[in-house]
Amino acid sequence: MKKSLLLYLFILVLLLNVFTYKYLSSELTFEKSRSENTTKRLKDSLVSSTQKLADANYFSLEKNENSQNYFNPDNAKKTIQIEKLIPFVTEKLMDLNANPKGNPYTGQDQIGANKFIINKVKILNHRWIIADFSDGEYWGEVLLKYFVNEDETVSFETIQSFIYQK
């Protein structure tokens, strides 16, 4: 009786070991394939996001070599660094938000109690800027022309402004 009990226990332990081994090896294979699939999906997502970002930045001064050459011609005595120009122009435009009647380059007169101020600016090339403005109640966009003068001041001109309906 004792011999058969030991034999049955040995067979039971052996079967448990075989099933545990199979389970753990298949789990390892499953985790490995899942990890590879996740990595592949993330790489594809990264490539897609990078492409979308490149498409979104197509119209920007940072990526437009022709516009950059406008500020840095070969025969220029003085050149302007694009990395410093973009924040400089943006800051000059945003400084006009301090005007008591609102930013004059939004192209809109004050409608309610709040003034229109520019929230976001995108410099498209060596001549144009697109900006988002609001007064907290109404929102709009404006297309501006800008000029960097010889005395390193910036002048702006409103081309067209659009305000969205409530």
N, C-alpha and C. Protein backbone atom coordinates (compact mmCIF):
# COMPACT_ATOMS: atom_id res chain seq x y z
N MET A 1 0.82 -1.19 0.00
CA MET A 1 0.00 0.00 0.00
C MET A 1 0.86 1.25 0.00
N LYS A 2 1.91 1.19 0.82
CA LYS A 2 2.79 2.33 0.91
C LYS A 2 3.50 2.57 -0.42
N LYS A 3 3.88 1.49 -1.11
CA LYS A 3 4.55 1.61 -2.40
C LYS A 3 3.63 2.25 -3.44
N SER A 4 2.40 1.84 -3.51
CA SER A 4 1.50 2.40 -4.51
C SER A 4 1.16 3.86 -4.19
N LEU A 5 1.08 4.21 -2.93
CA LEU A 5 0.82 5.61 -2.58
C LEU A 5 1.99 6.48 -3.02
N LEU A 6 3.19 6.01 -2.79
CA LEU A 6 4.37 6.76 -3.24
C LEU A 6 4.43 6.84 -4.77
N LEU A 7 4.05 5.77 -5.41
CA LEU A 7 4.03 5.78 -6.87
C LEU A 7 3.01 6.80 -7.38
N TYR A 8 1.81 6.80 -6.78
CA TYR A 8 0.78 7.77 -7.19
C TYR A 8 1.23 9.21 -6.90
N LEU A 9 1.85 9.45 -5.79
CA LEU A 9 2.35 10.79 -5.48
C LEU A 9 3.45 11.21 -6.45
N PHE A 10 4.33 10.28 -6.76
CA PHE A 10 5.39 10.59 -7.72
C PHE A 10 4.81 10.96 -9.08
N ILE A 11 3.83 10.19 -9.54
CA ILE A 11 3.20 10.48 -10.84
C ILE A 11 2.46 11.82 -10.78
N LEU A 12 1.81 12.10 -9.69
CA LEU A 12 1.08 13.36 -9.53
C LEU A 12 2.05 14.55 -9.55
N VAL A 13 3.14 14.44 -8.83
CA VAL A 13 4.15 15.51 -8.80
C VAL A 13 4.76 15.68 -10.19
N LEU A 14 5.02 14.59 -10.87
CA LEU A 14 5.57 14.64 -12.21
C LEU A 14 4.61 15.36 -13.16
N LEU A 15 3.35 15.01 -13.10
CA LEU A 15 2.34 15.68 -13.94
C LEU A 15 2.22 17.17 -13.60
N LEU A 16 2.25 17.50 -12.34
CA LEU A 16 2.20 18.92 -11.95
C LEU A 16 3.40 19.69 -12.49
N ASN A 17 4.56 19.08 -12.42
CA ASN A 17 5.76 19.72 -12.95
C ASN A 17 5.67 19.91 -14.46
N VAL A 18 5.18 18.91 -15.17
CA VAL A 18 5.05 19.01 -16.63
C VAL A 18 4.07 20.13 -16.99
N PHE A 19 2.91 20.15 -16.33
CA PHE A 19 1.92 21.19 -16.63
C PHE A 19 2.43 22.58 -16.23
N THR A 20 3.12 22.69 -15.12
CA THR A 20 3.69 23.98 -14.71
C THR A 20 4.72 24.46 -15.71
N TYR A 21 5.57 23.56 -16.16
CA TYR A 21 6.58 23.91 -17.16
C TYR A 21 5.92 24.40 -18.45
N LYS A 22 4.93 23.67 -18.93
CA LYS A 22 4.24 24.06 -20.16
C LYS A 22 3.55 25.41 -19.99
N TYR A 23 2.91 25.60 -18.84
CA TYR A 23 2.21 26.86 -18.59
C TYR A 23 3.19 28.03 -18.58
N LEU A 24 4.29 27.91 -17.85
CA LEU A 24 5.25 29.00 -17.73
C LEU A 24 5.95 29.28 -19.06
N SER A 25 6.27 28.25 -19.82
CA SER A 25 6.93 28.47 -21.10
C SER A 25 5.96 29.13 -22.10
N SER A 26 4.71 28.73 -22.09
CA SER A 26 3.75 29.38 -22.99
C SER A 26 3.46 30.81 -22.53
N GLU A 27 3.45 31.04 -21.22
CA GLU A 27 3.25 32.41 -20.73
C GLU A 27 4.41 33.30 -21.14
N LEU A 28 5.62 32.79 -21.07
CA LEU A 28 6.79 33.54 -21.50
C LEU A 28 6.71 33.87 -22.98
N THR A 29 6.32 32.91 -23.79
CA THR A 29 6.16 33.14 -25.23
C THR A 29 5.08 34.18 -25.49
N PHE A 30 3.97 34.08 -24.77
CA PHE A 30 2.88 35.03 -24.93
C PHE A 30 3.32 36.45 -24.55
N GLU A 31 4.01 36.58 -23.43
CA GLU A 31 4.48 37.90 -22.99
C GLU A 31 5.49 38.48 -23.98
N LYS A 32 6.33 37.64 -24.52
CA LYS A 32 7.32 38.09 -25.49
C LYS A 32 6.65 38.60 -26.77
N SER A 33 5.67 37.85 -27.26
CA SER A 33 4.97 38.29 -28.47
C SER A 33 4.15 39.56 -28.20
N ARG A 34 3.54 39.65 -27.03
CA ARG A 34 2.78 40.85 -26.68
C ARG A 34 3.70 42.07 -26.59
N SER A 35 4.87 41.87 -26.02
CA SER A 35 5.85 42.95 -25.91
C SER A 35 6.32 43.39 -27.30
N GLU A 36 6.56 42.45 -28.19
CA GLU A 36 6.97 42.79 -29.55
C GLU A 36 5.87 43.55 -30.28
N ASN A 37 4.61 43.12 -30.12
CA ASN A 37 3.49 43.81 -30.76
C ASN A 37 3.34 45.23 -30.22
N THR A 38 3.49 45.37 -28.92
CA THR A 38 3.38 46.70 -28.31
C THR A 38 4.51 47.60 -28.80
N THR A 39 5.70 47.07 -28.86
CA THR A 39 6.84 47.84 -29.35
C THR A 39 6.64 48.26 -30.80
N LYS A 40 6.14 47.35 -31.61
CA LYS A 40 5.88 47.67 -33.01
C LYS A 40 4.82 48.76 -33.14
N ARG A 41 3.75 48.65 -32.35
CA ARG A 41 2.68 49.66 -32.37
C ARG A 41 3.20 51.02 -31.94
N LEU A 42 4.03 51.04 -30.90
CA LEU A 42 4.59 52.30 -30.42
C LEU A 42 5.52 52.93 -31.45
N LYS A 43 6.32 52.11 -32.13
CA LYS A 43 7.20 52.64 -33.17
C LYS A 43 6.38 53.21 -34.32
N ASP A 44 5.32 52.50 -34.71
CA ASP A 44 4.45 53.01 -35.78
C ASP A 44 3.77 54.31 -35.35
N SER A 45 3.35 54.37 -34.10
CA SER A 45 2.72 55.57 -33.58
C SER A 45 3.71 56.73 -33.55
N LEU A 46 4.94 56.45 -33.18
CA LEU A 46 5.96 57.48 -33.15
C LEU A 46 6.25 58.00 -34.56
N VAL A 47 6.36 57.10 -35.51
CA VAL A 47 6.58 57.51 -36.90
C VAL A 47 5.41 58.36 -37.40
N SER A 48 4.21 57.92 -37.09
CA SER A 48 3.01 58.66 -37.50
C SER A 48 2.97 60.05 -36.86
N SER A 49 3.27 60.12 -35.57
CA SER A 49 3.27 61.41 -34.87
C SER A 49 4.35 62.33 -35.42
N THR A 50 5.50 61.77 -35.71
CA THR A 50 6.58 62.57 -36.27
C THR A 50 6.19 63.12 -37.63
N GLN A 51 5.54 62.31 -38.44
CA GLN A 51 5.08 62.76 -39.76
C GLN A 51 4.01 63.85 -39.64
N LYS A 52 3.09 63.68 -38.69
CA LYS A 52 2.05 64.69 -38.48
C LYS A 52 2.67 66.00 -38.01
N LEU A 53 3.66 65.92 -37.13
CA LEU A 53 4.34 67.13 -36.66
C LEU A 53 5.08 67.82 -37.79
N ALA A 54 5.72 67.04 -38.63
CA ALA A 54 6.42 67.62 -39.78
C ALA A 54 5.43 68.29 -40.73
N ASP A 55 4.27 67.66 -40.94
CA ASP A 55 3.24 68.28 -41.79
C ASP A 55 2.70 69.55 -41.16
N ALA A 56 2.51 69.54 -39.84
CA ALA A 56 1.98 70.72 -39.15
C ALA A 56 2.99 71.87 -39.17
N ASN A 57 4.26 71.55 -39.14
CA ASN A 57 5.29 72.59 -39.13
C ASN A 57 5.76 72.98 -40.54
N TYR A 58 5.08 72.48 -41.56
CA TYR A 58 5.46 72.84 -42.92
C TYR A 58 5.40 74.35 -43.11
N PHE A 59 4.33 74.96 -42.60
CA PHE A 59 4.20 76.41 -42.68
C PHE A 59 4.71 77.01 -41.38
N SER A 60 6.00 77.06 -41.23
CA SER A 60 6.60 77.71 -40.06
C SER A 60 7.97 78.25 -40.46
N LEU A 61 8.33 79.31 -39.81
CA LEU A 61 9.61 79.94 -40.10
C LEU A 61 10.78 79.03 -39.76
N GLU A 62 10.61 78.17 -38.75
CA GLU A 62 11.70 77.28 -38.35
C GLU A 62 12.08 76.29 -39.44
N LYS A 63 11.13 75.90 -40.29
CA LYS A 63 11.37 74.87 -41.30
C LYS A 63 11.49 75.42 -42.72
N ASN A 64 11.19 76.68 -42.92
CA ASN A 64 11.17 77.25 -44.26
C ASN A 64 12.51 77.93 -44.55
N GLU A 65 13.35 77.28 -45.34
CA GLU A 65 14.68 77.81 -45.63
C GLU A 65 14.63 79.09 -46.46
N ASN A 66 13.67 79.19 -47.37
CA ASN A 66 13.55 80.41 -48.18
C ASN A 66 13.25 81.62 -47.30
N SER A 67 12.37 81.44 -46.33
CA SER A 67 12.06 82.54 -45.40
C SER A 67 13.25 82.86 -44.52
N GLN A 68 13.99 81.85 -44.11
CA GLN A 68 15.17 82.09 -43.28
C GLN A 68 16.23 82.84 -44.08
N ASN A 69 16.34 82.53 -45.36
CA ASN A 69 17.31 83.23 -46.20
C ASN A 69 16.97 84.70 -46.37
N TYR A 70 15.70 85.06 -46.20
CA TYR A 70 15.30 86.47 -46.26
C TYR A 70 16.00 87.26 -45.15
N PHE A 71 16.13 86.66 -43.98
CA PHE A 71 16.77 87.34 -42.86
C PHE A 71 18.28 87.15 -42.86
N ASN A 72 18.78 86.18 -43.58
CA ASN A 72 20.20 85.89 -43.61
C ASN A 72 20.72 85.78 -45.05
N PRO A 73 20.60 86.84 -45.84
CA PRO A 73 21.12 86.74 -47.22
C PRO A 73 22.65 86.65 -47.21
N ASP A 74 23.17 86.16 -48.31
CA ASP A 74 24.62 85.95 -48.40
C ASP A 74 25.41 87.26 -48.34
N ASN A 75 24.84 88.34 -48.86
CA ASN A 75 25.57 89.60 -48.94
C ASN A 75 25.18 90.57 -47.81
N ALA A 76 24.55 90.09 -46.75
CA ALA A 76 24.09 90.97 -45.67
C ALA A 76 25.23 91.35 -44.75
N LYS A 77 25.19 92.62 -44.29
CA LYS A 77 26.16 93.07 -43.30
C LYS A 77 25.75 92.60 -41.91
N LYS A 78 24.47 92.48 -41.71
CA LYS A 78 23.94 92.09 -40.42
C LYS A 78 22.89 91.01 -40.63
N THR A 79 23.02 89.90 -39.92
CA THR A 79 22.04 88.82 -40.06
C THR A 79 21.25 88.68 -38.76
N ILE A 80 20.09 88.10 -38.88
CA ILE A 80 19.21 87.88 -37.73
C ILE A 80 19.10 86.38 -37.50
N GLN A 81 19.35 85.96 -36.28
CA GLN A 81 19.21 84.54 -35.95
C GLN A 81 17.73 84.21 -35.76
N ILE A 82 17.29 83.19 -36.46
CA ILE A 82 15.88 82.80 -36.43
C ILE A 82 15.48 82.37 -35.01
N GLU A 83 16.38 81.69 -34.30
CA GLU A 83 16.07 81.21 -32.95
C GLU A 83 15.77 82.37 -32.00
N LYS A 84 16.36 83.54 -32.26
CA LYS A 84 16.10 84.71 -31.42
C LYS A 84 14.98 85.56 -31.99
N LEU A 85 14.79 85.51 -33.30
CA LEU A 85 13.77 86.34 -33.94
C LEU A 85 12.36 85.91 -33.56
N ILE A 86 12.09 84.63 -33.56
CA ILE A 86 10.73 84.14 -33.31
C ILE A 86 10.24 84.54 -31.92
N PRO A 87 11.00 84.30 -30.84
CA PRO A 87 10.52 84.77 -29.54
C PRO A 87 10.45 86.29 -29.44
N PHE A 88 11.36 86.99 -30.14
CA PHE A 88 11.37 88.45 -30.11
C PHE A 88 10.09 89.02 -30.73
N VAL A 89 9.73 88.54 -31.91
CA VAL A 89 8.53 89.02 -32.59
C VAL A 89 7.28 88.63 -31.79
N THR A 90 7.25 87.42 -31.29
CA THR A 90 6.11 86.96 -30.48
C THR A 90 5.95 87.83 -29.24
N GLU A 91 7.06 88.12 -28.58
CA GLU A 91 7.01 88.94 -27.38
C GLU A 91 6.52 90.35 -27.68
N LYS A 92 6.98 90.93 -28.78
CA LYS A 92 6.55 92.29 -29.15
C LYS A 92 5.05 92.32 -29.42
N LEU A 93 4.53 91.29 -30.07
CA LEU A 93 3.10 91.23 -30.35
C LEU A 93 2.30 91.02 -29.07
N MET A 94 2.78 90.17 -28.19
CA MET A 94 2.07 89.90 -26.94
C MET A 94 2.15 91.09 -25.98
N ASP A 95 3.21 91.89 -26.06
CA ASP A 95 3.31 93.08 -25.22
C ASP A 95 2.19 94.07 -25.50
N LEU A 96 1.65 94.04 -26.71
CA LEU A 96 0.56 94.95 -27.06
C LEU A 96 -0.75 94.56 -26.39
N ASN A 97 -0.81 93.40 -25.74
CA ASN A 97 -2.00 93.00 -24.99
C ASN A 97 -2.23 93.90 -23.78
N ALA A 98 -1.19 94.59 -23.33
CA ALA A 98 -1.30 95.46 -22.16
C ALA A 98 -2.07 96.75 -22.47
N ASN A 99 -2.33 97.02 -23.72
CA ASN A 99 -3.09 98.20 -24.11
C ASN A 99 -4.46 98.17 -23.43
N PRO A 100 -4.91 99.29 -22.83
CA PRO A 100 -6.20 99.29 -22.12
C PRO A 100 -7.40 98.95 -23.00
N LYS A 101 -7.32 99.18 -24.29
CA LYS A 101 -8.43 98.84 -25.20
C LYS A 101 -8.22 97.49 -25.86
N GLY A 102 -7.20 96.77 -25.45
CA GLY A 102 -6.92 95.46 -26.03
C GLY A 102 -5.83 95.57 -27.09
N ASN A 103 -5.44 94.45 -27.61
CA ASN A 103 -4.40 94.42 -28.63
C ASN A 103 -4.95 95.03 -29.91
N PRO A 104 -4.32 96.09 -30.44
CA PRO A 104 -4.86 96.75 -31.62
C PRO A 104 -4.78 95.90 -32.89
N TYR A 105 -3.99 94.85 -32.87
CA TYR A 105 -3.81 94.04 -34.07
C TYR A 105 -4.73 92.83 -34.12
N THR A 106 -5.72 92.78 -33.26
CA THR A 106 -6.73 91.72 -33.38
C THR A 106 -7.71 92.05 -34.49
N GLY A 107 -7.77 93.30 -34.86
CA GLY A 107 -8.68 93.72 -35.94
C GLY A 107 -10.12 93.84 -35.47
N GLN A 108 -10.34 93.78 -34.17
CA GLN A 108 -11.69 93.85 -33.62
C GLN A 108 -11.74 94.92 -32.53
N ASP A 109 -12.85 95.65 -32.52
CA ASP A 109 -13.07 96.60 -31.43
C ASP A 109 -13.64 95.85 -30.24
N GLN A 110 -13.47 96.45 -29.08
CA GLN A 110 -13.96 95.83 -27.85
C GLN A 110 -15.48 95.69 -27.92
N ILE A 111 -16.00 94.49 -27.69
CA ILE A 111 -17.44 94.23 -27.81
C ILE A 111 -18.12 94.37 -26.46
N GLY A 112 -17.62 93.71 -25.45
CA GLY A 112 -18.24 93.73 -24.13
C GLY A 112 -17.34 94.46 -23.15
N ALA A 113 -17.36 93.99 -21.93
CA ALA A 113 -16.56 94.60 -20.87
C ALA A 113 -15.09 94.21 -20.99
N ASN A 114 -14.80 93.08 -21.61
CA ASN A 114 -13.42 92.60 -21.71
C ASN A 114 -12.79 93.03 -23.02
N LYS A 115 -11.49 93.20 -22.98
CA LYS A 115 -10.75 93.58 -24.19
C LYS A 115 -10.25 92.33 -24.91
N PHE A 116 -10.02 92.45 -26.21
CA PHE A 116 -9.47 91.35 -27.00
C PHE A 116 -7.96 91.31 -26.81
N ILE A 117 -7.46 90.13 -26.48
CA ILE A 117 -6.02 89.95 -26.37
C ILE A 117 -5.61 88.72 -27.17
N ILE A 118 -4.39 88.74 -27.63
CA ILE A 118 -3.85 87.63 -28.42
C ILE A 118 -3.34 86.56 -27.46
N ASN A 119 -3.77 85.32 -27.70
CA ASN A 119 -3.41 84.20 -26.84
C ASN A 119 -2.25 83.38 -27.39
N LYS A 120 -2.31 83.08 -28.67
CA LYS A 120 -1.34 82.17 -29.28
C LYS A 120 -0.90 82.76 -30.62
N VAL A 121 0.39 82.59 -30.91
CA VAL A 121 0.98 83.16 -32.12
C VAL A 121 1.76 82.09 -32.85
N LYS A 122 1.64 82.05 -34.17
CA LYS A 122 2.44 81.15 -35.02
C LYS A 122 3.03 82.00 -36.14
N ILE A 123 4.34 82.04 -36.21
CA ILE A 123 5.00 82.79 -37.28
C ILE A 123 5.13 81.85 -38.46
N LEU A 124 4.44 82.19 -39.54
CA LEU A 124 4.37 81.30 -40.70
C LEU A 124 5.61 81.40 -41.58
N ASN A 125 6.07 82.61 -41.84
CA ASN A 125 7.25 82.79 -42.69
C ASN A 125 7.88 84.14 -42.37
N HIS A 126 8.64 84.68 -43.30
CA HIS A 126 9.34 85.94 -43.06
C HIS A 126 8.41 87.16 -43.11
N ARG A 127 7.14 86.94 -43.39
CA ARG A 127 6.23 88.07 -43.53
C ARG A 127 4.90 87.92 -42.79
N TRP A 128 4.43 86.71 -42.55
CA TRP A 128 3.08 86.52 -42.01
C TRP A 128 3.08 85.84 -40.65
N ILE A 129 2.07 86.23 -39.89
CA ILE A 129 1.81 85.63 -38.58
C ILE A 129 0.33 85.30 -38.52
N ILE A 130 -0.01 84.17 -37.93
CA ILE A 130 -1.41 83.86 -37.62
C ILE A 130 -1.50 83.81 -36.11
N ALA A 131 -2.59 84.41 -35.59
CA ALA A 131 -2.73 84.49 -34.14
C ALA A 131 -4.17 84.20 -33.74
N ASP A 132 -4.31 83.67 -32.54
CA ASP A 132 -5.60 83.38 -31.94
C ASP A 132 -5.84 84.45 -30.87
N PHE A 133 -7.06 85.01 -30.83
CA PHE A 133 -7.36 86.03 -29.82
C PHE A 133 -8.73 85.77 -29.21
N SER A 134 -8.95 86.37 -28.04
CA SER A 134 -10.25 86.23 -27.38
C SER A 134 -10.41 87.33 -26.35
N ASP A 135 -11.66 87.47 -25.90
CA ASP A 135 -11.94 88.35 -24.77
C ASP A 135 -12.56 87.56 -23.62
N GLY A 136 -12.48 86.26 -23.71
CA GLY A 136 -13.06 85.38 -22.71
C GLY A 136 -14.44 84.90 -23.10
N GLU A 137 -15.09 85.64 -23.98
CA GLU A 137 -16.43 85.28 -24.42
C GLU A 137 -16.45 85.00 -25.92
N TYR A 138 -15.78 85.83 -26.67
CA TYR A 138 -15.68 85.67 -28.12
C TYR A 138 -14.26 85.27 -28.48
N TRP A 139 -14.15 84.45 -29.54
CA TRP A 139 -12.85 83.97 -29.99
C TRP A 139 -12.69 84.27 -31.47
N GLY A 140 -11.46 84.45 -31.89
CA GLY A 140 -11.22 84.70 -33.30
C GLY A 140 -9.78 84.46 -33.67
N GLU A 141 -9.51 84.68 -34.94
CA GLU A 141 -8.16 84.53 -35.47
C GLU A 141 -7.85 85.72 -36.36
N VAL A 142 -6.58 86.02 -36.47
CA VAL A 142 -6.15 87.16 -37.26
C VAL A 142 -4.90 86.78 -38.04
N LEU A 143 -4.82 87.29 -39.26
CA LEU A 143 -3.63 87.13 -40.10
C LEU A 143 -2.93 88.48 -40.13
N LEU A 144 -1.67 88.48 -39.73
CA LEU A 144 -0.90 89.71 -39.63
C LEU A 144 0.29 89.68 -40.56
N LYS A 145 0.69 90.87 -40.98
CA LYS A 145 1.94 91.06 -41.71
C LYS A 145 2.90 91.70 -40.71
N TYR A 146 4.14 91.25 -40.70
CA TYR A 146 5.10 91.88 -39.80
C TYR A 146 6.36 92.25 -40.56
N PHE A 147 7.03 93.27 -40.05
CA PHE A 147 8.26 93.77 -40.64
C PHE A 147 9.27 93.99 -39.54
N VAL A 148 10.48 93.52 -39.75
CA VAL A 148 11.57 93.81 -38.83
C VAL A 148 12.33 94.98 -39.44
N ASN A 149 12.29 96.11 -38.74
CA ASN A 149 12.89 97.35 -39.26
C ASN A 149 14.39 97.38 -39.02
N GLU A 150 15.06 98.31 -39.65
CA GLU A 150 16.52 98.46 -39.53
C GLU A 150 16.95 98.71 -38.09
N ASP A 151 16.13 99.43 -37.33
CA ASP A 151 16.48 99.74 -35.95
C ASP A 151 16.06 98.64 -34.98
N GLU A 152 15.81 97.45 -35.52
CA GLU A 152 15.46 96.25 -34.77
C GLU A 152 14.14 96.39 -34.00
N THR A 153 13.24 97.18 -34.54
CA THR A 153 11.88 97.22 -34.02
C THR A 153 11.01 96.40 -34.96
N VAL A 154 9.85 96.05 -34.49
CA VAL A 154 8.94 95.25 -35.29
C VAL A 154 7.65 96.04 -35.49
N SER A 155 7.19 96.09 -36.73
CA SER A 155 5.91 96.74 -37.00
C SER A 155 4.96 95.68 -37.55
N PHE A 156 3.70 95.83 -37.20
CA PHE A 156 2.67 94.87 -37.57
C PHE A 156 1.59 95.56 -38.39
N GLU A 157 0.92 94.75 -39.22
CA GLU A 157 -0.20 95.24 -40.02
C GLU A 157 -1.23 94.11 -40.09
N THR A 158 -2.49 94.45 -39.78
CA THR A 158 -3.55 93.46 -39.82
C THR A 158 -3.99 93.25 -41.27
N ILE A 159 -3.93 92.01 -41.73
CA ILE A 159 -4.40 91.69 -43.08
C ILE A 159 -5.89 91.37 -43.02
N GLN A 160 -6.25 90.42 -42.19
CA GLN A 160 -7.65 90.04 -42.06
C GLN A 160 -7.88 89.43 -40.69
N SER A 161 -9.08 89.69 -40.17
CA SER A 161 -9.45 89.20 -38.86
C SER A 161 -10.81 88.52 -38.95
N PHE A 162 -10.97 87.48 -38.15
CA PHE A 162 -12.23 86.74 -38.16
C PHE A 162 -12.62 86.42 -36.73
N ILE A 163 -13.88 86.66 -36.39
CA ILE A 163 -14.36 86.35 -35.04
C ILE A 163 -15.46 85.30 -35.18
N TYR A 164 -15.40 84.28 -34.34
CA TYR A 164 -16.36 83.18 -34.41
C TYR A 164 -17.66 83.57 -33.72
N GLN A 165 -18.76 82.99 -34.19
CA GLN A 165 -20.03 83.23 -33.54
C GLN A 165 -20.07 82.51 -32.21
N LYS A 166 -20.85 83.05 -31.33
CA LYS A 166 -21.00 82.46 -30.00
C LYS A 166 -21.67 81.13 -30.04
